Amino acid sequence: MEELFQTNRRDFLKKGGLAAAALGLGTLPAFAKRDSVVHLTILHTNDVHSRIDPFPMDGSRNQGLGGVARRAALVKQIRAEQPNVLLLDAGDVFQGTPYFNLYGGELELTIMSQMGYDAATMGNHDFDNSIAGFVKQLPHANFPFLVSNYDFSNTELKGKTLPHKIFKKGGLKIGVFGVCIELEGLVNKKNYLETIYLDPIAKANEMAALLRNDQHCEFVICLSHLGYKYKENKVSDQILAKSTRSIDLIIGGHTHTFMKEPETVLNLDGKVTTINQVGFAGINLGRLDYFFDRDKGGKTMVSAVLPVGGRLLG
């Protein structure tokens, strides 16, 4: 079984110092500076829900947190320090503040484009202005929406999303695909029309096999808007992880789960799949630094939750 080592943010605070922890740099693996090691930094958000401004200073739990300007500055700083960065979102870009009611998603997608997002998947609230409303805003996105388990053939979205995309960073081939939640009972039928929901586990296995075996990707990421876990018998990221093969990382959304550190689950082959999710409203930026050892094979991962505004989370 391939072994994946993790260092979480608490370890950063103990070993790497507060400033290093704030940037997600912490204590790096001893071999990290070898020529044979490729360093990949994955930054991610989920369920931002049209939260453009920080939360107001009104005494509430989230006061002063979030805000796209602060997130953009953090992303820019990390990109200046790291050559191989992917910035991803796990859905529910839309709905939640008057910005969406006024501009229908134009502002959100424009800002994400300016911030340099590489890809996103769709959440149920991204249908809140209907398929036609989503299509109207797509010209403002210079990044793809990755959706593998919705069949849009009989809708205006036909051909306007991708099932997967391959990125090349530092000589690595990284395959990314998206799976999304069932819309029936969650979204008004008039908003998603003839969109057909396909089994996310089956599609995830199909996409992961395609990316790993046919396209020879060395790392496979699933952007999931299924939700982290449920009490009832419902497909979640935990169930997806243990029911699939060849997925290295699931970046999740929908349940607004504040994970202090990633979770590892053994997949059908007994190999590690990592799950991560960082709350909602852009309060946090997730950071995962992977170090791929070309000589010995295998990889090491260091994780951090980067608060956007406010104090560091201990």
C-alpha atoms as a PDB file:
ATOM      1  CA  MET A   1       0.000   0.000   0.000  1.00  0.00           C
ATOM      2  CA  GLU A   2       1.299   3.424  -0.915  1.00  0.00           C
ATOM      3  CA  GLU A   3       1.852   5.476   2.219  1.00  0.00           C
ATOM      4  CA  LEU A   4       0.932   9.152   2.338  1.00  0.00           C
ATOM      5  CA  PHE A   5       2.376  11.156   5.202  1.00  0.00           C
ATOM      6  CA  GLN A   6       0.664  14.308   6.423  1.00  0.00           C
ATOM      7  CA  THR A   7       1.778  17.256   8.474  1.00  0.00           C
ATOM      8  CA  ASN A   8      -1.127  19.374   9.617  1.00  0.00           C
ATOM      9  CA  ARG A   9      -1.364  22.979  10.618  1.00  0.00           C
ATOM     10  CA  ARG A  10      -0.911  22.298  14.325  1.00  0.00           C
ATOM     11  CA  ASP A  11       2.463  20.754  13.522  1.00  0.00           C
ATOM     12  CA  PHE A  12       3.342  23.937  11.629  1.00  0.00           C
ATOM     13  CA  LEU A  13       2.618  26.013  14.717  1.00  0.00           C
ATOM     14  CA  LYS A  14       4.819  23.774  16.854  1.00  0.00           C
ATOM     15  CA  LYS A  15       7.695  23.302  14.424  1.00  0.00           C
ATOM     16  CA  GLY A  16       7.608  25.943  11.765  1.00  0.00           C
ATOM     17  CA  GLY A  17       6.707  29.159  13.538  1.00  0.00           C
ATOM     18  CA  LEU A  18       3.597  31.319  13.295  1.00  0.00           C
ATOM     19  CA  ALA A  19       4.580  33.247  10.170  1.00  0.00           C
ATOM     20  CA  ALA A  20       5.425  30.094   8.249  1.00  0.00           C
ATOM     21  CA  ALA A  21       2.168  28.503   9.344  1.00  0.00           C
ATOM     22  CA  ALA A  22       0.203  31.480   8.096  1.00  0.00           C
ATOM     23  CA  LEU A  23       1.604  30.880   4.623  1.00  0.00           C
ATOM     24  CA  GLY A  24       1.219  27.116   4.827  1.00  0.00           C
ATOM     25  CA  LEU A  25       4.963  26.586   4.582  1.00  0.00           C
ATOM     26  CA  GLY A  26       5.649  24.973   7.938  1.00  0.00           C
ATOM     27  CA  THR A  27       8.154  22.167   8.287  1.00  0.00           C
ATOM     28  CA  LEU A  28       8.823  20.698   4.866  1.00  0.00           C
ATOM     29  CA  PRO A  29       9.974  17.127   4.194  1.00  0.00           C
ATOM     30  CA  ALA A  30      13.725  16.648   4.473  1.00  0.00           C
ATOM     31  CA  PHE A  31      13.995  15.656   0.816  1.00  0.00           C
ATOM     32  CA  ALA A  32      11.901  18.581  -0.488  1.00  0.00           C
ATOM     33  CA  LYS A  33      14.820  20.456  -2.056  1.00  0.00           C
ATOM     34  CA  ARG A  34      16.218  17.525  -4.013  1.00  0.00           C
ATOM     35  CA  ASP A  35      16.206  17.934  -7.803  1.00  0.00           C
ATOM     36  CA  SER A  36      14.160  14.756  -8.117  1.00  0.00           C
ATOM     37  CA  VAL A  37      11.296  16.181  -6.044  1.00  0.00           C
ATOM     38  CA  VAL A  38       8.396  18.057  -7.630  1.00  0.00           C
ATOM     39  CA  HIS A  39       6.452  20.392  -5.341  1.00  0.00           C
ATOM     40  CA  LEU A  40       2.758  20.889  -6.206  1.00  0.00           C
ATOM     41  CA  THR A  41       0.620  23.371  -4.249  1.00  0.00           C
ATOM     42  CA  ILE A  42      -3.168  22.954  -4.378  1.00  0.00           C
ATOM     43  CA  LEU A  43      -5.298  25.848  -3.132  1.00  0.00           C
ATOM     44  CA  HIS A  44      -9.041  25.397  -2.839  1.00  0.00           C
ATOM     45  CA  THR A  45     -12.368  26.887  -1.783  1.00  0.00           C
ATOM     46  CA  ASN A  46     -15.957  25.671  -1.622  1.00  0.00           C
ATOM     47  CA  ASP A  47     -19.412  27.131  -1.019  1.00  0.00           C
ATOM     48  CA  VAL A  48     -18.272  30.741  -1.295  1.00  0.00           C
ATOM     49  CA  HIS A  49     -21.926  31.733  -1.912  1.00  0.00           C
ATOM     50  CA  SER A  50     -21.393  35.150  -3.491  1.00  0.00           C
ATOM     51  CA  ARG A  51     -19.528  36.392  -0.415  1.00  0.00           C
ATOM     52  CA  ILE A  52     -17.527  39.217  -2.004  1.00  0.00           C
ATOM     53  CA  ASP A  53     -16.985  41.347   1.104  1.00  0.00           C
ATOM     54  CA  PRO A  54     -15.740  40.239   4.530  1.00  0.00           C
ATOM     55  CA  PHE A  55     -18.416  39.541   7.111  1.00  0.00           C
ATOM     56  CA  PRO A  56     -19.433  42.809   8.819  1.00  0.00           C
ATOM     57  CA  MET A  57     -18.074  43.710  12.255  1.00  0.00           C
ATOM     58  CA  ASP A  58     -21.391  43.078  13.979  1.00  0.00           C
ATOM     59  CA  GLY A  59     -20.371  40.815  16.820  1.00  0.00           C
ATOM     60  CA  SER A  60     -21.306  37.647  14.957  1.00  0.00           C
ATOM     61  CA  ARG A  61     -19.149  34.515  14.937  1.00  0.00           C
ATOM     62  CA  ASN A  62     -17.659  35.243  11.498  1.00  0.00           C
ATOM     63  CA  GLN A  63     -17.228  38.999  11.856  1.00  0.00           C
ATOM     64  CA  GLY A  64     -14.338  40.390   9.826  1.00  0.00           C
ATOM     65  CA  LEU A  65     -13.574  37.085   8.098  1.00  0.00           C
ATOM     66  CA  GLY A  66     -13.397  36.363   4.389  1.00  0.00           C
ATOM     67  CA  GLY A  67     -13.467  38.778   1.469  1.00  0.00           C
ATOM     68  CA  VAL A  68     -12.223  38.211  -2.070  1.00  0.00           C
ATOM     69  CA  ALA A  69      -9.595  40.977  -1.955  1.00  0.00           C
ATOM     70  CA  ARG A  70      -7.866  39.286   0.974  1.00  0.00           C
ATOM     71  CA  ARG A  71      -8.114  35.876  -0.667  1.00  0.00           C
ATOM     72  CA  ALA A  72      -6.673  37.271  -3.898  1.00  0.00           C
ATOM     73  CA  ALA A  73      -3.732  38.784  -2.024  1.00  0.00           C
ATOM     74  CA  LEU A  74      -3.055  35.472  -0.262  1.00  0.00           C
ATOM     75  CA  VAL A  75      -3.205  33.528  -3.523  1.00  0.00           C
ATOM     76  CA  LYS A  76      -0.932  36.050  -5.234  1.00  0.00           C
ATOM     77  CA  GLN A  77       1.638  35.783  -2.446  1.00  0.00           C
ATOM     78  CA  ILE A  78       1.656  31.970  -2.578  1.00  0.00           C
ATOM     79  CA  ARG A  79       1.979  31.979  -6.366  1.00  0.00           C
ATOM     80  CA  ALA A  80       4.965  34.322  -6.073  1.00  0.00           C
ATOM     81  CA  GLU A  81       6.686  31.756  -3.857  1.00  0.00           C
ATOM     82  CA  GLN A  82       5.586  28.509  -5.504  1.00  0.00           C
ATOM     83  CA  PRO A  83       5.930  27.746  -9.227  1.00  0.00           C
ATOM     84  CA  ASN A  84       3.377  24.908  -9.438  1.00  0.00           C
ATOM     85  CA  VAL A  85       0.001  26.035  -8.087  1.00  0.00           C
ATOM     86  CA  LEU A  86      -3.540  24.870  -8.849  1.00  0.00           C
ATOM     87  CA  LEU A  87      -6.509  26.932  -7.602  1.00  0.00           C
ATOM     88  CA  LEU A  88      -9.788  24.995  -7.510  1.00  0.00           C
ATOM     89  CA  ASP A  89     -13.367  25.415  -6.278  1.00  0.00           C
ATOM     90  CA  ALA A  90     -15.900  22.745  -5.293  1.00  0.00           C
ATOM     91  CA  GLY A  91     -19.145  24.518  -6.178  1.00  0.00           C
ATOM     92  CA  ASP A  92     -21.905  26.807  -4.902  1.00  0.00           C
ATOM     93  CA  VAL A  93     -20.191  29.862  -6.267  1.00  0.00           C
ATOM     94  CA  PHE A  94     -23.599  31.603  -6.446  1.00  0.00           C
ATOM     95  CA  GLN A  95     -26.335  32.757  -4.059  1.00  0.00           C
ATOM     96  CA  GLY A  96     -26.060  34.198  -0.573  1.00  0.00           C
ATOM     97  CA  THR A  97     -25.585  37.976  -0.823  1.00  0.00           C
ATOM     98  CA  PRO A  98     -27.250  40.851  -2.736  1.00  0.00           C
ATOM     99  CA  TYR A  99     -24.376  40.780  -5.239  1.00  0.00           C
ATOM    100  CA  PHE A 100     -25.916  37.678  -6.777  1.00  0.00           C
ATOM    101  CA  ASN A 101     -29.419  39.165  -6.772  1.00  0.00           C
ATOM    102  CA  LEU A 102     -28.144  42.307  -8.499  1.00  0.00           C
ATOM    103  CA  TYR A 103     -25.655  40.878 -10.996  1.00  0.00           C
ATOM    104  CA  GLY A 104     -26.685  37.242 -11.428  1.00  0.00           C
ATOM    105  CA  GLY A 105     -23.214  35.782 -10.933  1.00  0.00           C
ATOM    106  CA  GLU A 106     -21.232  38.069 -13.243  1.00  0.00           C
ATOM    107  CA  LEU A 107     -19.218  39.536 -10.382  1.00  0.00           C
ATOM    108  CA  GLU A 108     -18.375  36.173  -8.852  1.00  0.00           C
ATOM    109  CA  LEU A 109     -17.086  34.630 -12.093  1.00  0.00           C
ATOM    110  CA  THR A 110     -15.216  37.789 -13.097  1.00  0.00           C
ATOM    111  CA  ILE A 111     -13.403  37.889  -9.762  1.00  0.00           C
ATOM    112  CA  MET A 112     -12.580  34.177  -9.885  1.00  0.00           C
ATOM    113  CA  SER A 113     -11.173  34.672 -13.379  1.00  0.00           C
ATOM    114  CA  GLN A 114      -9.058  37.601 -12.246  1.00  0.00           C
ATOM    115  CA  MET A 115      -7.838  35.530  -9.302  1.00  0.00           C
ATOM    116  CA  GLY A 116      -6.712  32.813 -11.703  1.00  0.00           C
ATOM    117  CA  TYR A 117      -8.923  29.878 -10.762  1.00  0.00           C
ATOM    118  CA  ASP A 118      -7.956  26.832 -12.815  1.00  0.00           C
ATOM    119  CA  ALA A 119     -11.276  24.962 -12.546  1.00  0.00           C
ATOM    120  CA  ALA A 120     -14.479  24.602 -10.541  1.00  0.00           C
ATOM    121  CA  THR A 121     -17.410  22.242 -10.321  1.00  0.00           C
ATOM    122  CA  MET A 122     -21.104  23.107  -9.976  1.00  0.00           C
ATOM    123  CA  GLY A 123     -23.160  23.170  -6.805  1.00  0.00           C
ATOM    124  CA  ASN A 124     -26.930  23.075  -6.450  1.00  0.00           C
ATOM    125  CA  HIS A 125     -27.101  26.847  -5.851  1.00  0.00           C
ATOM    126  CA  ASP A 126     -25.375  27.468  -9.160  1.00  0.00           C
ATOM    127  CA  PHE A 127     -28.769  26.619 -10.684  1.00  0.00           C
ATOM    128  CA  ASP A 128     -30.601  29.287  -8.663  1.00  0.00           C
ATOM    129  CA  ASN A 129     -31.019  31.578 -11.677  1.00  0.00           C
ATOM    130  CA  SER A 130     -31.825  28.547 -13.850  1.00  0.00           C
ATOM    131  CA  ILE A 131     -29.659  26.924 -16.486  1.00  0.00           C
ATOM    132  CA  ALA A 132     -30.264  29.917 -18.752  1.00  0.00           C
ATOM    133  CA  GLY A 133     -28.996  32.246 -16.029  1.00  0.00           C
ATOM    134  CA  PHE A 134     -25.861  30.167 -15.530  1.00  0.00           C
ATOM    135  CA  VAL A 135     -25.175  30.016 -19.267  1.00  0.00           C
ATOM    136  CA  LYS A 136     -25.577  33.801 -19.488  1.00  0.00           C
ATOM    137  CA  GLN A 137     -22.730  34.267 -16.981  1.00  0.00           C
ATOM    138  CA  LEU A 138     -20.300  31.692 -18.414  1.00  0.00           C
ATOM    139  CA  PRO A 139     -18.568  34.223 -20.732  1.00  0.00           C
ATOM    140  CA  HIS A 140     -17.238  35.858 -17.565  1.00  0.00           C
ATOM    141  CA  ALA A 141     -15.424  32.642 -16.560  1.00  0.00           C
ATOM    142  CA  ASN A 142     -12.066  32.030 -18.215  1.00  0.00           C
ATOM    143  CA  PHE A 143     -11.801  28.692 -16.392  1.00  0.00           C
ATOM    144  CA  PRO A 144     -13.823  25.505 -17.020  1.00  0.00           C
ATOM    145  CA  PHE A 145     -16.634  24.039 -14.939  1.00  0.00           C
ATOM    146  CA  LEU A 146     -15.947  20.317 -14.597  1.00  0.00           C
ATOM    147  CA  VAL A 147     -19.058  18.140 -14.344  1.00  0.00           C
ATOM    148  CA  SER A 148     -19.028  14.425 -15.171  1.00  0.00           C
ATOM    149  CA  ASN A 149     -22.306  13.136 -13.701  1.00  0.00           C
ATOM    150  CA  TYR A 150     -24.848  15.588 -15.121  1.00  0.00           C
ATOM    151  CA  ASP A 151     -26.030  14.924 -18.656  1.00  0.00           C
ATOM    152  CA  PHE A 152     -26.837  18.334 -20.131  1.00  0.00           C
ATOM    153  CA  SER A 153     -27.592  17.017 -23.631  1.00  0.00           C
ATOM    154  CA  ASN A 154     -31.146  18.402 -23.723  1.00  0.00           C
ATOM    155  CA  THR A 155     -30.326  21.754 -22.111  1.00  0.00           C
ATOM    156  CA  GLU A 156     -28.582  25.015 -22.966  1.00  0.00           C
ATOM    157  CA  LEU A 157     -25.534  23.787 -21.040  1.00  0.00           C
ATOM    158  CA  LYS A 158     -24.789  21.100 -23.618  1.00  0.00           C
ATOM    159  CA  GLY A 159     -21.116  21.360 -24.545  1.00  0.00           C
ATOM    160  CA  LYS A 160     -20.475  24.244 -22.144  1.00  0.00           C
ATOM    161  CA  THR A 161     -18.962  22.213 -19.298  1.00  0.00           C
ATOM    162  CA  LEU A 162     -16.173  19.620 -19.367  1.00  0.00           C
ATOM    163  CA  PRO A 163     -16.150  16.204 -17.682  1.00  0.00           C
ATOM    164  CA  HIS A 164     -12.447  16.538 -16.856  1.00  0.00           C
ATOM    165  CA  LYS A 165      -9.311  18.517 -17.581  1.00  0.00           C
ATOM    166  CA  ILE A 166      -5.606  17.710 -17.435  1.00  0.00           C
ATOM    167  CA  PHE A 167      -3.088  20.185 -16.055  1.00  0.00           C
ATOM    168  CA  LYS A 168       0.696  19.957 -16.356  1.00  0.00           C
ATOM    169  CA  LYS A 169       2.754  21.310 -13.484  1.00  0.00           C
ATOM    170  CA  GLY A 170       6.457  20.746 -12.975  1.00  0.00           C
ATOM    171  CA  GLY A 171       6.432  17.806 -15.371  1.00  0.00           C
ATOM    172  CA  LEU A 172       3.464  16.188 -13.600  1.00  0.00           C
ATOM    173  CA  LYS A 173       0.178  15.354 -15.310  1.00  0.00           C
ATOM    174  CA  ILE A 174      -2.700  16.154 -12.968  1.00  0.00           C
ATOM    175  CA  GLY A 175      -6.198  15.037 -13.925  1.00  0.00           C
ATOM    176  CA  VAL A 176      -9.175  16.869 -12.433  1.00  0.00           C
ATOM    177  CA  PHE A 177     -12.871  15.975 -12.753  1.00  0.00           C
ATOM    178  CA  GLY A 178     -16.107  16.924 -11.019  1.00  0.00           C
ATOM    179  CA  VAL A 179     -19.072  15.084  -9.508  1.00  0.00           C
ATOM    180  CA  CYS A 180     -22.199  16.837  -8.237  1.00  0.00           C
ATOM    181  CA  ILE A 181     -25.171  16.243  -6.004  1.00  0.00           C
ATOM    182  CA  GLU A 182     -28.596  14.962  -7.081  1.00  0.00           C
ATOM    183  CA  LEU A 183     -30.779  17.950  -7.956  1.00  0.00           C
ATOM    184  CA  GLU A 184     -34.212  16.344  -7.599  1.00  0.00           C
ATOM    185  CA  GLY A 185     -35.803  17.444  -4.333  1.00  0.00           C
ATOM    186  CA  LEU A 186     -33.062  20.010  -3.787  1.00  0.00           C
ATOM    187  CA  VAL A 187     -33.507  22.371  -6.741  1.00  0.00           C
ATOM    188  CA  ASN A 188     -36.716  23.493  -8.443  1.00  0.00           C
ATOM    189  CA  LYS A 189     -37.222  21.378 -11.558  1.00  0.00           C
ATOM    190  CA  LYS A 190     -37.751  24.486 -13.693  1.00  0.00           C
ATOM    191  CA  ASN A 191     -34.202  25.552 -12.862  1.00  0.00           C
ATOM    192  CA  TYR A 192     -32.443  22.399 -14.046  1.00  0.00           C
ATOM    193  CA  LEU A 193     -35.017  21.210 -16.607  1.00  0.00           C
ATOM    194  CA  GLU A 194     -33.904  18.058 -18.446  1.00  0.00           C
ATOM    195  CA  THR A 195     -30.559  17.701 -16.712  1.00  0.00           C
ATOM    196  CA  ILE A 196     -30.036  13.987 -16.072  1.00  0.00           C
ATOM    197  CA  TYR A 197     -28.296  12.933 -12.871  1.00  0.00           C
ATOM    198  CA  LEU A 198     -25.860  10.038 -13.291  1.00  0.00           C
ATOM    199  CA  ASP A 199     -24.500   7.832 -10.504  1.00  0.00           C
ATOM    200  CA  PRO A 200     -21.516   9.766  -9.081  1.00  0.00           C
ATOM    201  CA  ILE A 201     -19.645   6.645  -7.943  1.00  0.00           C
ATOM    202  CA  ALA A 202     -19.858   5.033 -11.370  1.00  0.00           C
ATOM    203  CA  LYS A 203     -18.836   8.247 -13.124  1.00  0.00           C
ATOM    204  CA  ALA A 204     -16.015   8.876 -10.661  1.00  0.00           C
ATOM    205  CA  ASN A 205     -14.611   5.410 -11.319  1.00  0.00           C
ATOM    206  CA  GLU A 206     -14.949   5.986 -15.046  1.00  0.00           C
ATOM    207  CA  MET A 207     -13.217   9.379 -14.931  1.00  0.00           C
ATOM    208  CA  ALA A 208     -10.453   8.240 -12.583  1.00  0.00           C
ATOM    209  CA  ALA A 209      -9.692   5.176 -14.718  1.00  0.00           C
ATOM    210  CA  LEU A 210      -9.608   7.330 -17.846  1.00  0.00           C
ATOM    211  CA  LEU A 211      -7.256   9.861 -16.298  1.00  0.00           C
ATOM    212  CA  ARG A 212      -4.970   7.371 -14.560  1.00  0.00           C
ATOM    213  CA  ASN A 213      -4.847   4.498 -17.044  1.00  0.00           C
ATOM    214  CA  ASP A 214      -5.556   6.050 -20.444  1.00  0.00           C
ATOM    215  CA  GLN A 215      -4.169   9.551 -19.960  1.00  0.00           C
ATOM    216  CA  HIS A 216      -1.386   8.436 -17.568  1.00  0.00           C
ATOM    217  CA  CYS A 217      -1.991  11.157 -14.978  1.00  0.00           C
ATOM    218  CA  GLU A 218       0.232  10.860 -11.949  1.00  0.00           C
ATOM    219  CA  PHE A 219      -2.267  12.592  -9.680  1.00  0.00           C
ATOM    220  CA  VAL A 220      -6.084  12.554  -9.876  1.00  0.00           C
ATOM    221  CA  ILE A 221      -8.324  15.110  -8.158  1.00  0.00           C
ATOM    222  CA  CYS A 222     -12.096  14.927  -7.786  1.00  0.00           C
ATOM    223  CA  LEU A 223     -13.968  18.190  -7.225  1.00  0.00           C
ATOM    224  CA  SER A 224     -17.049  17.026  -5.348  1.00  0.00           C
ATOM    225  CA  HIS A 225     -20.256  18.803  -4.431  1.00  0.00           C
ATOM    226  CA  LEU A 226     -21.721  15.697  -2.789  1.00  0.00           C
ATOM    227  CA  GLY A 227     -21.114  16.644   0.845  1.00  0.00           C
ATOM    228  CA  TYR A 228     -18.602  15.314   3.371  1.00  0.00           C
ATOM    229  CA  LYS A 229     -20.782  12.795   5.267  1.00  0.00           C
ATOM    230  CA  TYR A 230     -24.398  12.099   6.242  1.00  0.00           C
ATOM    231  CA  LYS A 231     -26.221  10.151   8.924  1.00  0.00           C
ATOM    232  CA  GLU A 232     -28.618   8.759   6.330  1.00  0.00           C
ATOM    233  CA  ASN A 233     -27.645   6.438   3.481  1.00  0.00           C
ATOM    234  CA  LYS A 234     -26.631   9.058   0.947  1.00  0.00           C
ATOM    235  CA  VAL A 235     -23.566   9.312  -1.277  1.00  0.00           C
ATOM    236  CA  SER A 236     -20.931  11.476   0.395  1.00  0.00           C
ATOM    237  CA  ASP A 237     -17.232  12.133  -0.055  1.00  0.00           C
ATOM    238  CA  GLN A 238     -16.462   9.445   2.525  1.00  0.00           C
ATOM    239  CA  ILE A 239     -18.525   6.874   0.629  1.00  0.00           C
ATOM    240  CA  LEU A 240     -17.102   8.030  -2.708  1.00  0.00           C
ATOM    241  CA  ALA A 241     -13.543   7.632  -1.439  1.00  0.00           C
ATOM    242  CA  LYS A 242     -13.978   4.035  -0.267  1.00  0.00           C
ATOM    243  CA  SER A 243     -16.042   3.036  -3.328  1.00  0.00           C
ATOM    244  CA  THR A 244     -13.587   4.114  -6.030  1.00  0.00           C
ATOM    245  CA  ARG A 245     -10.119   3.544  -7.386  1.00  0.00           C
ATOM    246  CA  SER A 246      -7.347   5.866  -8.559  1.00  0.00           C
ATOM    247  CA  ILE A 247      -8.565   9.099  -6.886  1.00  0.00           C
ATOM    248  CA  ASP A 248      -5.776  10.722  -4.887  1.00  0.00           C
ATOM    249  CA  LEU A 249      -7.674  13.738  -3.567  1.00  0.00           C
ATOM    250  CA  ILE A 250     -11.322  14.718  -3.111  1.00  0.00           C
ATOM    251  CA  ILE A 251     -11.886  18.439  -2.646  1.00  0.00           C
ATOM    252  CA  GLY A 252     -15.387  18.654  -1.235  1.00  0.00           C
ATOM    253  CA  GLY A 253     -18.255  21.060  -0.788  1.00  0.00           C
ATOM    254  CA  HIS A 254     -21.993  21.335  -0.034  1.00  0.00           C
ATOM    255  CA  THR A 255     -21.984  20.508   3.687  1.00  0.00           C
ATOM    256  CA  HIS A 256     -19.955  23.599   4.704  1.00  0.00           C
ATOM    257  CA  THR A 257     -17.663  21.365   6.746  1.00  0.00           C
ATOM    258  CA  PHE A 258     -14.784  23.087   8.527  1.00  0.00           C
ATOM    259  CA  MET A 259     -12.119  20.392   8.468  1.00  0.00           C
ATOM    260  CA  LYS A 260      -9.091  21.239  10.591  1.00  0.00           C
ATOM    261  CA  GLU A 261      -7.040  18.751   8.612  1.00  0.00           C
ATOM    262  CA  PRO A 262      -7.650  16.382   5.707  1.00  0.00           C
ATOM    263  CA  GLU A 263      -9.036  12.898   6.228  1.00  0.00           C
ATOM    264  CA  THR A 264      -7.535   9.798   4.642  1.00  0.00           C
ATOM    265  CA  VAL A 265      -9.727   6.901   3.506  1.00  0.00           C
ATOM    266  CA  LEU A 266      -8.634   3.606   1.980  1.00  0.00           C
ATOM    267  CA  ASN A 267     -10.110   3.044  -1.466  1.00  0.00           C
ATOM    268  CA  LEU A 268     -11.121  -0.220  -3.147  1.00  0.00           C
ATOM    269  CA  ASP A 269      -7.465  -1.043  -3.788  1.00  0.00           C
ATOM    270  CA  GLY A 270      -6.395  -0.315  -0.211  1.00  0.00           C
ATOM    271  CA  LYS A 271      -4.670   2.906  -1.290  1.00  0.00           C
ATOM    272  CA  VAL A 272      -5.095   6.325   0.277  1.00  0.00           C
ATOM    273  CA  THR A 273      -7.670   8.830  -0.920  1.00  0.00           C
ATOM    274  CA  THR A 274      -7.507  12.182   0.862  1.00  0.00           C
ATOM    275  CA  ILE A 275     -10.640  14.281   1.554  1.00  0.00           C
ATOM    276  CA  ASN A 276     -10.605  17.980   2.378  1.00  0.00           C
ATOM    277  CA  GLN A 277     -13.171  20.797   2.746  1.00  0.00           C
ATOM    278  CA  VAL A 278     -12.754  24.281   4.232  1.00  0.00           C
ATOM    279  CA  GLY A 279     -16.133  25.542   5.423  1.00  0.00           C
ATOM    280  CA  PHE A 280     -17.986  28.195   3.440  1.00  0.00           C
ATOM    281  CA  ALA A 281     -18.163  31.881   2.420  1.00  0.00           C
ATOM    282  CA  GLY A 282     -14.453  32.149   1.624  1.00  0.00           C
ATOM    283  CA  ILE A 283     -13.591  32.253   5.334  1.00  0.00           C
ATOM    284  CA  ASN A 284     -10.708  29.843   4.723  1.00  0.00           C
ATOM    285  CA  LEU A 285      -8.394  28.961   1.876  1.00  0.00           C
ATOM    286  CA  GLY A 286      -7.379  25.313   1.825  1.00  0.00           C
ATOM    287  CA  ARG A 287      -3.756  24.534   1.051  1.00  0.00           C
ATOM    288  CA  LEU A 288      -2.232  21.138   0.302  1.00  0.00           C
ATOM    289  CA  ASP A 289       1.443  20.871  -0.624  1.00  0.00           C
ATOM    290  CA  TYR A 290       2.425  17.604  -2.290  1.00  0.00           C
ATOM    291  CA  PHE A 291       6.027  16.519  -2.779  1.00  0.00           C
ATOM    292  CA  PHE A 292       6.492  13.865  -5.465  1.00  0.00           C
ATOM    293  CA  ASP A 293       9.756  11.937  -5.217  1.00  0.00           C
ATOM    294  CA  ARG A 294      10.752  10.999  -8.770  1.00  0.00           C
ATOM    295  CA  ASP A 295      13.617   8.761  -7.596  1.00  0.00           C
ATOM    296  CA  LYS A 296      11.820   6.602  -5.074  1.00  0.00           C
ATOM    297  CA  GLY A 297       8.220   7.106  -6.139  1.00  0.00           C
ATOM    298  CA  GLY A 298       5.512   8.017  -3.668  1.00  0.00           C
ATOM    299  CA  LYS A 299       4.578  11.387  -2.292  1.00  0.00           C
ATOM    300  CA  THR A 300       4.366  13.357   0.918  1.00  0.00           C
ATOM    301  CA  MET A 301       1.648  15.891   1.749  1.00  0.00           C
ATOM    302  CA  VAL A 302       1.644  18.900   4.052  1.00  0.00           C
ATOM    303  CA  SER A 303      -1.691  20.602   4.788  1.00  0.00           C
ATOM    304  CA  ALA A 304      -2.852  23.942   6.123  1.00  0.00           C
ATOM    305  CA  VAL A 305      -6.094  25.839   6.637  1.00  0.00           C
ATOM    306  CA  LEU A 306      -5.383  29.490   5.896  1.00  0.00           C
ATOM    307  CA  PRO A 307      -7.868  31.900   7.493  1.00  0.00           C
ATOM    308  CA  VAL A 308      -8.797  34.768   5.197  1.00  0.00           C
ATOM    309  CA  GLY A 309      -8.724  37.720   7.577  1.00  0.00           C
ATOM    310  CA  GLY A 310      -8.893  37.450  11.339  1.00  0.00           C
ATOM    311  CA  ARG A 311      -6.535  35.477  13.534  1.00  0.00           C
ATOM    312  CA  LEU A 312      -4.985  32.104  12.864  1.00  0.00           C
ATOM    313  CA  LEU A 313      -7.049  29.120  13.919  1.00  0.00           C
ATOM    314  CA  GLY A 314      -5.182  27.147  16.574  1.00  0.00           C
END
